Amino acid sequence: MSSLEKTVRSHNRKSETSKESGASENQIPKIYLKAMPLRNLSDLDTIKREVKSGNIIIVKVSPLANKSIKDIKKAVNELCEFVKTVDGDIARLGEERIVITPSGVRIWREKPVAPQEQVSTAA
């Protein structure tokens, strides 16, 4: 058994013990990272519900994109507007995925560094 497996099992045993002893888990709300496919526009309701519940969602958009470019544009625009209303965040993860976060969670974006112009030192 690897060191990582031992650590995870030890942590799980401690969690189970604290649950059994009556420790309240209501103090800190659970936030889950979930992956969901976007197969049709009706999936948007499920995605929105999950974000409103405080979960971070990674959405695979390629199933819908392969069916209809028009629908994927509509879905992404709708999700962008939704994210504004709940004070969340949304970003693209490559060509096939987007990530959507609830209020209080921001996505770090690296700002591109502008190439420095070389200054001529010739007199």
PDB file of N, CA and C in Angstrom:
ATOM      1  N   MET A   1       0.850  -1.170   0.000  1.00  0.00           N
ATOM      2  CA  MET A   1       0.000   0.000   0.000  1.00  0.00           C
ATOM      3  C   MET A   1       0.900   1.239   0.000  1.00  0.00           C
ATOM      4  N   SER A   2       0.606   2.170  -0.892  1.00  0.00           N
ATOM      5  CA  SER A   2       1.426   3.367  -1.009  1.00  0.00           C
ATOM      6  C   SER A   2       1.163   4.325   0.151  1.00  0.00           C
ATOM      7  N   SER A   3       2.069   5.257   0.304  1.00  0.00           N
ATOM      8  CA  SER A   3       1.947   6.263   1.359  1.00  0.00           C
ATOM      9  C   SER A   3       0.689   7.107   1.167  1.00  0.00           C
ATOM     10  N   LEU A   4       0.381   7.416  -0.082  1.00  0.00           N
ATOM     11  CA  LEU A   4      -0.819   8.205  -0.369  1.00  0.00           C
ATOM     12  C   LEU A   4      -2.075   7.452   0.033  1.00  0.00           C
ATOM     13  N   GLU A   5      -2.140   6.170  -0.302  1.00  0.00           N
ATOM     14  CA  GLU A   5      -3.305   5.365   0.070  1.00  0.00           C
ATOM     15  C   GLU A   5      -3.474   5.309   1.577  1.00  0.00           C
ATOM     16  N   LYS A   6      -2.363   5.157   2.317  1.00  0.00           N
ATOM     17  CA  LYS A   6      -2.415   5.121   3.780  1.00  0.00           C
ATOM     18  C   LYS A   6      -2.964   6.433   4.336  1.00  0.00           C
ATOM     19  N   THR A   7      -2.506   7.540   3.763  1.00  0.00           N
ATOM     20  CA  THR A   7      -2.950   8.853   4.227  1.00  0.00           C
ATOM     21  C   THR A   7      -4.443   9.046   3.984  1.00  0.00           C
ATOM     22  N   VAL A   8      -4.904   8.673   2.783  1.00  0.00           N
ATOM     23  CA  VAL A   8      -6.322   8.819   2.454  1.00  0.00           C
ATOM     24  C   VAL A   8      -7.170   7.941   3.358  1.00  0.00           C
ATOM     25  N   ARG A   9      -6.760   6.701   3.564  1.00  0.00           N
ATOM     26  CA  ARG A   9      -7.525   5.799   4.428  1.00  0.00           C
ATOM     27  C   ARG A   9      -7.560   6.312   5.859  1.00  0.00           C
ATOM     28  N   SER A  10      -6.442   6.839   6.330  1.00  0.00           N
ATOM     29  CA  SER A  10      -6.387   7.385   7.684  1.00  0.00           C
ATOM     30  C   SER A  10      -7.331   8.572   7.807  1.00  0.00           C
ATOM     31  N   HIS A  11      -7.337   9.431   6.799  1.00  0.00           N
ATOM     32  CA  HIS A  11      -8.222  10.602   6.806  1.00  0.00           C
ATOM     33  C   HIS A  11      -9.687  10.160   6.797  1.00  0.00           C
ATOM     34  N   ASN A  12     -10.004   9.159   5.978  1.00  0.00           N
ATOM     35  CA  ASN A  12     -11.380   8.662   5.905  1.00  0.00           C
ATOM     36  C   ASN A  12     -11.827   8.075   7.237  1.00  0.00           C
ATOM     37  N   ARG A  13     -10.929   7.338   7.915  1.00  0.00           N
ATOM     38  CA  ARG A  13     -11.281   6.775   9.220  1.00  0.00           C
ATOM     39  C   ARG A  13     -11.541   7.876  10.239  1.00  0.00           C
ATOM     40  N   LYS A  14     -10.720   8.931  10.201  1.00  0.00           N
ATOM     41  CA  LYS A  14     -10.914  10.054  11.127  1.00  0.00           C
ATOM     42  C   LYS A  14     -12.235  10.745  10.852  1.00  0.00           C
ATOM     43  N   SER A  15     -12.580  10.908   9.578  1.00  0.00           N
ATOM     44  CA  SER A  15     -13.850  11.548   9.217  1.00  0.00           C
ATOM     45  C   SER A  15     -15.027  10.729   9.713  1.00  0.00           C
ATOM     46  N   GLU A  16     -14.944   9.405   9.545  1.00  0.00           N
ATOM     47  CA  GLU A  16     -16.028   8.531   9.993  1.00  0.00           C
ATOM     48  C   GLU A  16     -16.159   8.570  11.506  1.00  0.00           C
ATOM     49  N   THR A  17     -15.041   8.621  12.204  1.00  0.00           N
ATOM     50  CA  THR A  17     -15.054   8.683  13.664  1.00  0.00           C
ATOM     51  C   THR A  17     -15.691   9.982  14.138  1.00  0.00           C
ATOM     52  N   SER A  18     -15.350  11.106  13.488  1.00  0.00           N
ATOM     53  CA  SER A  18     -15.925  12.379  13.913  1.00  0.00           C
ATOM     54  C   SER A  18     -17.424  12.433  13.623  1.00  0.00           C
ATOM     55  N   LYS A  19     -17.879  11.784  12.542  1.00  0.00           N
ATOM     56  CA  LYS A  19     -19.317  11.726  12.245  1.00  0.00           C
ATOM     57  C   LYS A  19     -20.045  10.923  13.310  1.00  0.00           C
ATOM     58  N   GLU A  20     -19.431   9.809  13.708  1.00  0.00           N
ATOM     59  CA  GLU A  20     -20.052   8.938  14.702  1.00  0.00           C
ATOM     60  C   GLU A  20     -20.106   9.600  16.074  1.00  0.00           C
ATOM     61  N   SER A  21     -19.122  10.458  16.364  1.00  0.00           N
ATOM     62  CA  SER A  21     -19.079  11.087  17.680  1.00  0.00           C
ATOM     63  C   SER A  21     -19.993  12.306  17.766  1.00  0.00           C
ATOM     64  N   GLY A  22     -20.706  12.615  16.665  1.00  0.00           N
ATOM     65  CA  GLY A  22     -21.677  13.702  16.688  1.00  0.00           C
ATOM     66  C   GLY A  22     -21.122  15.038  16.237  1.00  0.00           C
ATOM     67  N   ALA A  23     -19.935  15.063  15.645  1.00  0.00           N
ATOM     68  CA  ALA A  23     -19.377  16.317  15.154  1.00  0.00           C
ATOM     69  C   ALA A  23     -20.270  16.841  14.032  1.00  0.00           C
ATOM     70  N   SER A  24     -20.553  18.120  14.064  1.00  0.00           N
ATOM     71  CA  SER A  24     -21.455  18.712  13.082  1.00  0.00           C
ATOM     72  C   SER A  24     -20.712  19.059  11.810  1.00  0.00           C
ATOM     73  N   GLU A  25     -21.232  18.576  10.682  1.00  0.00           N
ATOM     74  CA  GLU A  25     -20.648  18.930   9.394  1.00  0.00           C
ATOM     75  C   GLU A  25     -21.336  20.156   8.804  1.00  0.00           C
ATOM     76  N   ASN A  26     -22.321  20.681   9.477  1.00  0.00           N
ATOM     77  CA  ASN A  26     -23.058  21.833   8.972  1.00  0.00           C
ATOM     78  C   ASN A  26     -22.276  23.121   9.105  1.00  0.00           C
ATOM     79  N   GLN A  27     -21.158  23.089   9.797  1.00  0.00           N
ATOM     80  CA  GLN A  27     -20.368  24.295  10.003  1.00  0.00           C
ATOM     81  C   GLN A  27     -19.750  24.795   8.701  1.00  0.00           C
ATOM     82  N   ILE A  28     -19.259  23.881   7.875  1.00  0.00           N
ATOM     83  CA  ILE A  28     -18.627  24.250   6.614  1.00  0.00           C
ATOM     84  C   ILE A  28     -19.385  23.559   5.490  1.00  0.00           C
ATOM     85  N   PRO A  29     -19.987  24.339   4.587  1.00  0.00           N
ATOM     86  CA  PRO A  29     -20.733  23.701   3.499  1.00  0.00           C
ATOM     87  C   PRO A  29     -19.790  22.978   2.548  1.00  0.00           C
ATOM     88  N   LYS A  30     -20.245  21.857   2.033  1.00  0.00           N
ATOM     89  CA  LYS A  30     -19.453  21.081   1.085  1.00  0.00           C
ATOM     90  C   LYS A  30     -19.566  21.708  -0.299  1.00  0.00           C
ATOM     91  N   ILE A  31     -18.440  21.844  -0.960  1.00  0.00           N
ATOM     92  CA  ILE A  31     -18.391  22.306  -2.341  1.00  0.00           C
ATOM     93  C   ILE A  31     -17.817  21.164  -3.160  1.00  0.00           C
ATOM     94  N   TYR A  32     -18.529  20.786  -4.194  1.00  0.00           N
ATOM     95  CA  TYR A  32     -18.081  19.688  -5.042  1.00  0.00           C
ATOM     96  C   TYR A  32     -17.630  20.226  -6.393  1.00  0.00           C
ATOM     97  N   LEU A  33     -16.661  19.567  -6.974  1.00  0.00           N
ATOM     98  CA  LEU A  33     -16.235  19.810  -8.342  1.00  0.00           C
ATOM     99  C   LEU A  33     -16.843  18.686  -9.166  1.00  0.00           C
ATOM    100  N   LYS A  34     -17.735  19.048 -10.091  1.00  0.00           N
ATOM    101  CA  LYS A  34     -18.450  18.042 -10.871  1.00  0.00           C
ATOM    102  C   LYS A  34     -18.195  18.250 -12.360  1.00  0.00           C
ATOM    103  N   ALA A  35     -18.110  17.142 -13.079  1.00  0.00           N
ATOM    104  CA  ALA A  35     -17.982  17.171 -14.533  1.00  0.00           C
ATOM    105  C   ALA A  35     -19.310  16.736 -15.127  1.00  0.00           C
ATOM    106  N   MET A  36     -19.790  17.511 -16.095  1.00  0.00           N
ATOM    107  CA  MET A  36     -21.082  17.209 -16.715  1.00  0.00           C
ATOM    108  C   MET A  36     -20.998  17.444 -18.218  1.00  0.00           C
ATOM    109  N   PRO A  37     -21.618  16.587 -19.008  1.00  0.00           N
ATOM    110  CA  PRO A  37     -21.677  16.847 -20.451  1.00  0.00           C
ATOM    111  C   PRO A  37     -22.872  17.756 -20.773  1.00  0.00           C
ATOM    112  N   LEU A  38     -22.714  18.549 -21.797  1.00  0.00           N
ATOM    113  CA  LEU A  38     -23.819  19.373 -22.301  1.00  0.00           C
ATOM    114  C   LEU A  38     -24.278  18.730 -23.603  1.00  0.00           C
ATOM    115  N   ARG A  39     -25.336  17.919 -23.513  1.00  0.00           N
ATOM    116  CA  ARG A  39     -25.828  17.188 -24.683  1.00  0.00           C
ATOM    117  C   ARG A  39     -26.928  17.933 -25.415  1.00  0.00           C
ATOM    118  N   ASN A  40     -27.728  18.694 -24.637  1.00  0.00           N
ATOM    119  CA  ASN A  40     -28.791  19.498 -25.258  1.00  0.00           C
ATOM    120  C   ASN A  40     -29.089  20.682 -24.346  1.00  0.00           C
ATOM    121  N   LEU A  41     -29.896  21.607 -24.826  1.00  0.00           N
ATOM    122  CA  LEU A  41     -30.161  22.833 -24.086  1.00  0.00           C
ATOM    123  C   LEU A  41     -30.872  22.595 -22.758  1.00  0.00           C
ATOM    124  N   SER A  42     -31.582  21.493 -22.639  1.00  0.00           N
ATOM    125  CA  SER A  42     -32.273  21.208 -21.381  1.00  0.00           C
ATOM    126  C   SER A  42     -31.293  20.888 -20.240  1.00  0.00           C
ATOM    127  N   ASP A  43     -30.048  20.546 -20.569  1.00  0.00           N
ATOM    128  CA  ASP A  43     -29.030  20.297 -19.543  1.00  0.00           C
ATOM    129  C   ASP A  43     -28.631  21.580 -18.813  1.00  0.00           C
ATOM    130  N   LEU A  44     -28.943  22.721 -19.385  1.00  0.00           N
ATOM    131  CA  LEU A  44     -28.578  23.991 -18.758  1.00  0.00           C
ATOM    132  C   LEU A  44     -29.231  24.160 -17.388  1.00  0.00           C
ATOM    133  N   ASP A  45     -30.457  23.689 -17.237  1.00  0.00           N
ATOM    134  CA  ASP A  45     -31.146  23.811 -15.947  1.00  0.00           C
ATOM    135  C   ASP A  45     -30.398  23.054 -14.848  1.00  0.00           C
ATOM    136  N   THR A  46     -29.915  21.867 -15.165  1.00  0.00           N
ATOM    137  CA  THR A  46     -29.163  21.077 -14.192  1.00  0.00           C
ATOM    138  C   THR A  46     -27.855  21.773 -13.834  1.00  0.00           C
ATOM    139  N   ILE A  47     -27.170  22.297 -14.820  1.00  0.00           N
ATOM    140  CA  ILE A  47     -25.900  22.995 -14.588  1.00  0.00           C
ATOM    141  C   ILE A  47     -26.133  24.213 -13.691  1.00  0.00           C
ATOM    142  N   LYS A  48     -27.152  24.990 -14.001  1.00  0.00           N
ATOM    143  CA  LYS A  48     -27.460  26.178 -13.195  1.00  0.00           C
ATOM    144  C   LYS A  48     -27.812  25.801 -11.761  1.00  0.00           C
ATOM    145  N   ARG A  49     -28.591  24.756 -11.596  1.00  0.00           N
ATOM    146  CA  ARG A  49     -28.985  24.306 -10.250  1.00  0.00           C
ATOM    147  C   ARG A  49     -27.748  23.906  -9.434  1.00  0.00           C
ATOM    148  N   GLU A  50     -26.829  23.222 -10.070  1.00  0.00           N
ATOM    149  CA  GLU A  50     -25.603  22.804  -9.378  1.00  0.00           C
ATOM    150  C   GLU A  50     -24.762  24.011  -8.955  1.00  0.00           C
ATOM    151  N   VAL A  51     -24.647  24.995  -9.836  1.00  0.00           N
ATOM    152  CA  VAL A  51     -23.872  26.198  -9.502  1.00  0.00           C
ATOM    153  C   VAL A  51     -24.556  26.969  -8.380  1.00  0.00           C
ATOM    154  N   LYS A  52     -25.869  27.088  -8.437  1.00  0.00           N
ATOM    155  CA  LYS A  52     -26.607  27.762  -7.362  1.00  0.00           C
ATOM    156  C   LYS A  52     -26.427  27.041  -6.025  1.00  0.00           C
ATOM    157  N   SER A  53     -26.203  25.724  -6.079  1.00  0.00           N
ATOM    158  CA  SER A  53     -25.975  24.940  -4.864  1.00  0.00           C
ATOM    159  C   SER A  53     -24.564  25.121  -4.320  1.00  0.00           C
ATOM    160  N   GLY A  54     -23.733  25.859  -5.053  1.00  0.00           N
ATOM    161  CA  GLY A  54     -22.377  26.132  -4.590  1.00  0.00           C
ATOM    162  C   GLY A  54     -21.312  25.248  -5.187  1.00  0.00           C
ATOM    163  N   ASN A  55     -21.661  24.437  -6.171  1.00  0.00           N
ATOM    164  CA  ASN A  55     -20.698  23.522  -6.771  1.00  0.00           C
ATOM    165  C   ASN A  55     -19.984  24.146  -7.966  1.00  0.00           C
ATOM    166  N   ILE A  56     -18.782  23.681  -8.217  1.00  0.00           N
ATOM    167  CA  ILE A  56     -17.989  24.087  -9.374  1.00  0.00           C
ATOM    168  C   ILE A  56     -18.222  23.033 -10.453  1.00  0.00           C
ATOM    169  N   ILE A  57     -18.556  23.481 -11.657  1.00  0.00           N
ATOM    170  CA  ILE A  57     -18.929  22.558 -12.721  1.00  0.00           C
ATOM    171  C   ILE A  57     -17.976  22.690 -13.903  1.00  0.00           C
ATOM    172  N   ILE A  58     -17.463  21.559 -14.351  1.00  0.00           N
ATOM    173  CA  ILE A  58     -16.702  21.502 -15.601  1.00  0.00           C
ATOM    174  C   ILE A  58     -17.639  20.897 -16.632  1.00  0.00           C
ATOM    175  N   VAL A  59     -17.934  21.667 -17.658  1.00  0.00           N
ATOM    176  CA  VAL A  59     -18.918  21.260 -18.662  1.00  0.00           C
ATOM    177  C   VAL A  59     -18.203  20.883 -19.958  1.00  0.00           C
ATOM    178  N   LYS A  60     -18.447  19.675 -20.411  1.00  0.00           N
ATOM    179  CA  LYS A  60     -17.929  19.250 -21.706  1.00  0.00           C
ATOM    180  C   LYS A  60     -18.950  19.664 -22.761  1.00  0.00           C
ATOM    181  N   VAL A  61     -18.582  20.630 -23.598  1.00  0.00           N
ATOM    182  CA  VAL A  61     -19.527  21.205 -24.554  1.00  0.00           C
ATOM    183  C   VAL A  61     -19.512  20.505 -25.905  1.00  0.00           C
ATOM    184  N   SER A  62     -18.545  19.642 -26.142  1.00  0.00           N
ATOM    185  CA  SER A  62     -18.429  19.023 -27.468  1.00  0.00           C
ATOM    186  C   SER A  62     -19.646  18.181 -27.877  1.00  0.00           C
ATOM    187  N   PRO A  63     -20.357  17.491 -26.958  1.00  0.00           N
ATOM    188  CA  PRO A  63     -21.531  16.743 -27.431  1.00  0.00           C
ATOM    189  C   PRO A  63     -22.573  17.637 -28.114  1.00  0.00           C
ATOM    190  N   LEU A  64     -22.834  18.810 -27.561  1.00  0.00           N
ATOM    191  CA  LEU A  64     -23.793  19.726 -28.178  1.00  0.00           C
ATOM    192  C   LEU A  64     -23.167  20.434 -29.380  1.00  0.00           C
ATOM    193  N   ALA A  65     -21.886  20.776 -29.278  1.00  0.00           N
ATOM    194  CA  ALA A  65     -21.212  21.466 -30.382  1.00  0.00           C
ATOM    195  C   ALA A  65     -21.197  20.606 -31.641  1.00  0.00           C
ATOM    196  N   ASN A  66     -21.087  19.290 -31.461  1.00  0.00           N
ATOM    197  CA  ASN A  66     -21.091  18.396 -32.621  1.00  0.00           C
ATOM    198  C   ASN A  66     -22.458  18.338 -33.294  1.00  0.00           C
ATOM    199  N   LYS A  67     -23.513  18.663 -32.542  1.00  0.00           N
ATOM    200  CA  LYS A  67     -24.868  18.653 -33.101  1.00  0.00           C
ATOM    201  C   LYS A  67     -25.227  19.993 -33.746  1.00  0.00           C
ATOM    202  N   SER A  68     -24.925  21.085 -33.023  1.00  0.00           N
ATOM    203  CA  SER A  68     -25.381  22.392 -33.498  1.00  0.00           C
ATOM    204  C   SER A  68     -24.513  23.526 -32.952  1.00  0.00           C
ATOM    205  N   ILE A  69     -23.830  24.217 -33.838  1.00  0.00           N
ATOM    206  CA  ILE A  69     -23.021  25.375 -33.443  1.00  0.00           C
ATOM    207  C   ILE A  69     -23.935  26.483 -32.913  1.00  0.00           C
ATOM    208  N   LYS A  70     -25.100  26.633 -33.536  1.00  0.00           N
ATOM    209  CA  LYS A  70     -26.063  27.650 -33.101  1.00  0.00           C
ATOM    210  C   LYS A  70     -26.488  27.404 -31.650  1.00  0.00           C
ATOM    211  N   ASP A  71     -26.781  26.148 -31.301  1.00  0.00           N
ATOM    212  CA  ASP A  71     -27.209  25.819 -29.944  1.00  0.00           C
ATOM    213  C   ASP A  71     -26.082  26.007 -28.927  1.00  0.00           C
ATOM    214  N   ILE A  72     -24.848  25.686 -29.309  1.00  0.00           N
ATOM    215  CA  ILE A  72     -23.747  25.836 -28.357  1.00  0.00           C
ATOM    216  C   ILE A  72     -23.485  27.307 -28.073  1.00  0.00           C
ATOM    217  N   LYS A  73     -23.615  28.154 -29.085  1.00  0.00           N
ATOM    218  CA  LYS A  73     -23.459  29.597 -28.868  1.00  0.00           C
ATOM    219  C   LYS A  73     -24.556  30.111 -27.943  1.00  0.00           C
ATOM    220  N   LYS A  74     -25.779  29.664 -28.178  1.00  0.00           N
ATOM    221  CA  LYS A  74     -26.898  30.059 -27.335  1.00  0.00           C
ATOM    222  C   LYS A  74     -26.672  29.604 -25.890  1.00  0.00           C
ATOM    223  N   ALA A  75     -26.216  28.363 -25.712  1.00  0.00           N
ATOM    224  CA  ALA A  75     -25.988  27.812 -24.373  1.00  0.00           C
ATOM    225  C   ALA A  75     -24.894  28.580 -23.637  1.00  0.00           C
ATOM    226  N   VAL A  76     -23.787  28.848 -24.312  1.00  0.00           N
ATOM    227  CA  VAL A  76     -22.683  29.567 -23.668  1.00  0.00           C
ATOM    228  C   VAL A  76     -23.105  30.987 -23.310  1.00  0.00           C
ATOM    229  N   ASN A  77     -23.834  31.652 -24.195  1.00  0.00           N
ATOM    230  CA  ASN A  77     -24.324  33.002 -23.882  1.00  0.00           C
ATOM    231  C   ASN A  77     -25.260  32.979 -22.673  1.00  0.00           C
ATOM    232  N   GLU A  78     -26.131  31.981 -22.620  1.00  0.00           N
ATOM    233  CA  GLU A  78     -27.056  31.859 -21.494  1.00  0.00           C
ATOM    234  C   GLU A  78     -26.298  31.604 -20.188  1.00  0.00           C
ATOM    235  N   LEU A  79     -25.281  30.757 -20.247  1.00  0.00           N
ATOM    236  CA  LEU A  79     -24.485  30.485 -19.046  1.00  0.00           C
ATOM    237  C   LEU A  79     -23.692  31.717 -18.606  1.00  0.00           C
ATOM    238  N   CYS A  80     -23.184  32.494 -19.556  1.00  0.00           N
ATOM    239  CA  CYS A  80     -22.468  33.732 -19.212  1.00  0.00           C
ATOM    240  C   CYS A  80     -23.399  34.710 -18.502  1.00  0.00           C
ATOM    241  N   GLU A  81     -24.609  34.866 -19.007  1.00  0.00           N
ATOM    242  CA  GLU A  81     -25.584  35.757 -18.361  1.00  0.00           C
ATOM    243  C   GLU A  81     -25.963  35.232 -16.974  1.00  0.00           C
ATOM    244  N   PHE A  82     -26.147  33.933 -16.860  1.00  0.00           N
ATOM    245  CA  PHE A  82     -26.477  33.319 -15.572  1.00  0.00           C
ATOM    246  C   PHE A  82     -25.383  33.576 -14.542  1.00  0.00           C
ATOM    247  N   VAL A  83     -24.132  33.400 -14.958  1.00  0.00           N
ATOM    248  CA  VAL A  83     -22.997  33.575 -14.046  1.00  0.00           C
ATOM    249  C   VAL A  83     -22.953  35.005 -13.515  1.00  0.00           C
ATOM    250  N   LYS A  84     -23.293  35.971 -14.357  1.00  0.00           N
ATOM    251  CA  LYS A  84     -23.336  37.367 -13.907  1.00  0.00           C
ATOM    252  C   LYS A  84     -24.383  37.555 -12.814  1.00  0.00           C
ATOM    253  N   THR A  85     -25.525  36.903 -12.965  1.00  0.00           N
ATOM    254  CA  THR A  85     -26.611  37.085 -11.992  1.00  0.00           C
ATOM    255  C   THR A  85     -26.297  36.459 -10.643  1.00  0.00           C
ATOM    256  N   VAL A  86     -25.465  35.404 -10.617  1.00  0.00           N
ATOM    257  CA  VAL A  86     -25.140  34.753  -9.345  1.00  0.00           C
ATOM    258  C   VAL A  86     -23.757  35.172  -8.833  1.00  0.00           C
ATOM    259  N   ASP A  87     -23.120  36.130  -9.506  1.00  0.00           N
ATOM    260  CA  ASP A  87     -21.787  36.623  -9.135  1.00  0.00           C
ATOM    261  C   ASP A  87     -20.758  35.493  -9.132  1.00  0.00           C
ATOM    262  N   GLY A  88     -20.868  34.608 -10.136  1.00  0.00           N
ATOM    263  CA  GLY A  88     -19.912  33.514 -10.278  1.00  0.00           C
ATOM    264  C   GLY A  88     -18.863  33.866 -11.315  1.00  0.00           C
ATOM    265  N   ASP A  89     -18.280  32.843 -11.912  1.00  0.00           N
ATOM    266  CA  ASP A  89     -17.254  33.049 -12.927  1.00  0.00           C
ATOM    267  C   ASP A  89     -17.341  31.918 -13.947  1.00  0.00           C
ATOM    268  N   ILE A  90     -16.863  32.185 -15.154  1.00  0.00           N
ATOM    269  CA  ILE A  90     -16.889  31.194 -16.225  1.00  0.00           C
ATOM    270  C   ILE A  90     -15.640  31.396 -17.074  1.00  0.00           C
ATOM    271  N   ALA A  91     -15.049  30.282 -17.523  1.00  0.00           N
ATOM    272  CA  ALA A  91     -13.863  30.364 -18.380  1.00  0.00           C
ATOM    273  C   ALA A  91     -13.785  29.114 -19.242  1.00  0.00           C
ATOM    274  N   ARG A  92     -13.086  29.253 -20.339  1.00  0.00           N
ATOM    275  CA  ARG A  92     -12.888  28.133 -21.250  1.00  0.00           C
ATOM    276  C   ARG A  92     -11.687  27.305 -20.797  1.00  0.00           C
ATOM    277  N   LEU A  93     -11.822  26.004 -20.878  1.00  0.00           N
ATOM    278  CA  LEU A  93     -10.719  25.074 -20.595  1.00  0.00           C
ATOM    279  C   LEU A  93     -10.445  24.304 -21.876  1.00  0.00           C
ATOM    280  N   GLY A  94      -9.631  24.826 -22.721  1.00  0.00           N
ATOM    281  CA  GLY A  94      -9.343  24.164 -23.989  1.00  0.00           C
ATOM    282  C   GLY A  94     -10.495  24.300 -24.966  1.00  0.00           C
ATOM    283  N   GLU A  95     -10.548  23.402 -25.925  1.00  0.00           N
ATOM    284  CA  GLU A  95     -11.552  23.467 -26.988  1.00  0.00           C
ATOM    285  C   GLU A  95     -12.880  22.831 -26.600  1.00  0.00           C
ATOM    286  N   GLU A  96     -12.870  21.893 -25.649  1.00  0.00           N
ATOM    287  CA  GLU A  96     -14.068  21.105 -25.375  1.00  0.00           C
ATOM    288  C   GLU A  96     -14.754  21.394 -24.057  1.00  0.00           C
ATOM    289  N   ARG A  97     -14.150  22.188 -23.191  1.00  0.00           N
ATOM    290  CA  ARG A  97     -14.725  22.343 -21.847  1.00  0.00           C
ATOM    291  C   ARG A  97     -14.771  23.798 -21.410  1.00  0.00           C
ATOM    292  N   ILE A  98     -15.727  24.053 -20.505  1.00  0.00           N
ATOM    293  CA  ILE A  98     -15.769  25.325 -19.792  1.00  0.00           C
ATOM    294  C   ILE A  98     -15.923  25.002 -18.307  1.00  0.00           C
ATOM    295  N   VAL A  99     -15.475  25.918 -17.475  1.00  0.00           N
ATOM    296  CA  VAL A  99     -15.634  25.744 -16.036  1.00  0.00           C
ATOM    297  C   VAL A  99     -16.507  26.885 -15.538  1.00  0.00           C
ATOM    298  N   ILE A 100     -17.430  26.551 -14.653  1.00  0.00           N
ATOM    299  CA  ILE A 100     -18.365  27.529 -14.097  1.00  0.00           C
ATOM    300  C   ILE A 100     -18.272  27.447 -12.582  1.00  0.00           C
ATOM    301  N   THR A 101     -18.103  28.606 -11.943  1.00  0.00           N
ATOM    302  CA  THR A 101     -17.968  28.629 -10.490  1.00  0.00           C
ATOM    303  C   THR A 101     -19.102  29.437  -9.860  1.00  0.00           C
ATOM    304  N   PRO A 102     -19.435  29.106  -8.623  1.00  0.00           N
ATOM    305  CA  PRO A 102     -20.476  29.854  -7.908  1.00  0.00           C
ATOM    306  C   PRO A 102     -19.926  31.148  -7.335  1.00  0.00           C
ATOM    307  N   SER A 103     -20.779  31.884  -6.678  1.00  0.00           N
ATOM    308  CA  SER A 103     -20.393  33.121  -6.012  1.00  0.00           C
ATOM    309  C   SER A 103     -19.262  32.842  -5.025  1.00  0.00           C
ATOM    310  N   GLY A 104     -18.299  33.739  -4.981  1.00  0.00           N
ATOM    311  CA  GLY A 104     -17.204  33.600  -4.036  1.00  0.00           C
ATOM    312  C   GLY A 104     -16.018  32.807  -4.558  1.00  0.00           C
ATOM    313  N   VAL A 105     -16.137  32.221  -5.737  1.00  0.00           N
ATOM    314  CA  VAL A 105     -15.031  31.460  -6.324  1.00  0.00           C
ATOM    315  C   VAL A 105     -14.667  32.136  -7.645  1.00  0.00           C
ATOM    316  N   ARG A 106     -13.417  32.534  -7.767  1.00  0.00           N
ATOM    317  CA  ARG A 106     -12.946  33.189  -8.980  1.00  0.00           C
ATOM    318  C   ARG A 106     -11.949  32.297  -9.698  1.00  0.00           C
ATOM    319  N   ILE A 107     -11.899  32.431 -11.008  1.00  0.00           N
ATOM    320  CA  ILE A 107     -10.971  31.676 -11.845  1.00  0.00           C
ATOM    321  C   ILE A 107      -9.776  32.576 -12.131  1.00  0.00           C
ATOM    322  N   TRP A 108      -8.600  32.084 -11.799  1.00  0.00           N
ATOM    323  CA  TRP A 108      -7.391  32.851 -12.050  1.00  0.00           C
ATOM    324  C   TRP A 108      -7.067  32.802 -13.532  1.00  0.00           C
ATOM    325  N   ARG A 109      -6.786  33.954 -14.087  1.00  0.00           N
ATOM    326  CA  ARG A 109      -6.435  34.040 -15.502  1.00  0.00           C
ATOM    327  C   ARG A 109      -5.074  34.688 -15.613  1.00  0.00           C
ATOM    328  N   GLU A 110      -4.178  34.008 -16.294  1.00  0.00           N
ATOM    329  CA  GLU A 110      -2.844  34.549 -16.485  1.00  0.00           C
ATOM    330  C   GLU A 110      -2.911  35.647 -17.533  1.00  0.00           C
ATOM    331  N   LYS A 111      -2.357  36.786 -17.186  1.00  0.00           N
ATOM    332  CA  LYS A 111      -2.345  37.895 -18.137  1.00  0.00           C
ATOM    333  C   LYS A 111      -1.118  37.743 -19.026  1.00  0.00           C
ATOM    334  N   PRO A 112      -1.325  37.826 -20.337  1.00  0.00           N
ATOM    335  CA  PRO A 112      -0.184  37.659 -21.238  1.00  0.00           C
ATOM    336  C   PRO A 112       0.835  38.783 -21.041  1.00  0.00           C
ATOM    337  N   VAL A 113       2.084  38.409 -21.066  1.00  0.00           N
ATOM    338  CA  VAL A 113       3.153  39.378 -20.911  1.00  0.00           C
ATOM    339  C   VAL A 113       3.483  39.938 -22.284  1.00  0.00           C
ATOM    340  N   ALA A 114       3.460  41.266 -22.388  1.00  0.00           N
ATOM    341  CA  ALA A 114       3.773  41.906 -23.659  1.00  0.00           C
ATOM    342  C   ALA A 114       5.261  41.774 -23.926  1.00  0.00           C
ATOM    343  N   PRO A 115       5.613  41.402 -25.150  1.00  0.00           N
ATOM    344  CA  PRO A 115       7.041  41.292 -25.467  1.00  0.00           C
ATOM    345  C   PRO A 115       7.699  42.657 -25.378  1.00  0.00           C
ATOM    346  N   GLN A 116       8.863  42.677 -24.772  1.00  0.00           N
ATOM    347  CA  GLN A 116       9.567  43.949 -24.604  1.00  0.00           C
ATOM    348  C   GLN A 116      10.255  44.307 -25.913  1.00  0.00           C
ATOM    349  N   GLU A 117      10.118  45.581 -26.248  1.00  0.00           N
ATOM    350  CA  GLU A 117      10.768  46.053 -27.476  1.00  0.00           C
ATOM    351  C   GLU A 117      12.241  46.270 -27.187  1.00  0.00           C
ATOM    352  N   GLN A 118      13.076  45.916 -28.155  1.00  0.00           N
ATOM    353  CA  GLN A 118      14.495  46.131 -27.984  1.00  0.00           C
ATOM    354  C   GLN A 118      14.801  47.588 -28.299  1.00  0.00           C
ATOM    355  N   VAL A 119      15.546  48.207 -27.405  1.00  0.00           N
ATOM    356  CA  VAL A 119      15.923  49.608 -27.585  1.00  0.00           C
ATOM    357  C   VAL A 119      17.301  49.648 -28.190  1.00  0.00           C
ATOM    358  N   SER A 120      17.416  50.383 -29.261  1.00  0.00           N
ATOM    359  CA  SER A 120      18.709  50.489 -29.930  1.00  0.00           C
ATOM    360  C   SER A 120      19.644  51.329 -29.076  1.00  0.00           C
ATOM    361  N   THR A 121      20.835  50.827 -28.872  1.00  0.00           N
ATOM    362  CA  THR A 121      21.820  51.573 -28.087  1.00  0.00           C
ATOM    363  C   THR A 121      22.895  52.175 -28.956  1.00  0.00           C
ATOM    364  N   ALA A 122      22.746  52.084 -30.270  1.00  0.00           N
ATOM    365  CA  ALA A 122      23.732  52.630 -31.190  1.00  0.00           C
ATOM    366  C   ALA A 122      23.666  54.156 -31.165  1.00  0.00           C
ATOM    367  N   ALA A 123      24.846  54.806 -31.193  1.00  0.00           N
ATOM    368  CA  ALA A 123      24.895  56.263 -31.143  1.00  0.00           C
ATOM    369  C   ALA A 123      24.989  56.857 -32.512  1.00  0.00           C
TER     370      ALA A 123
END
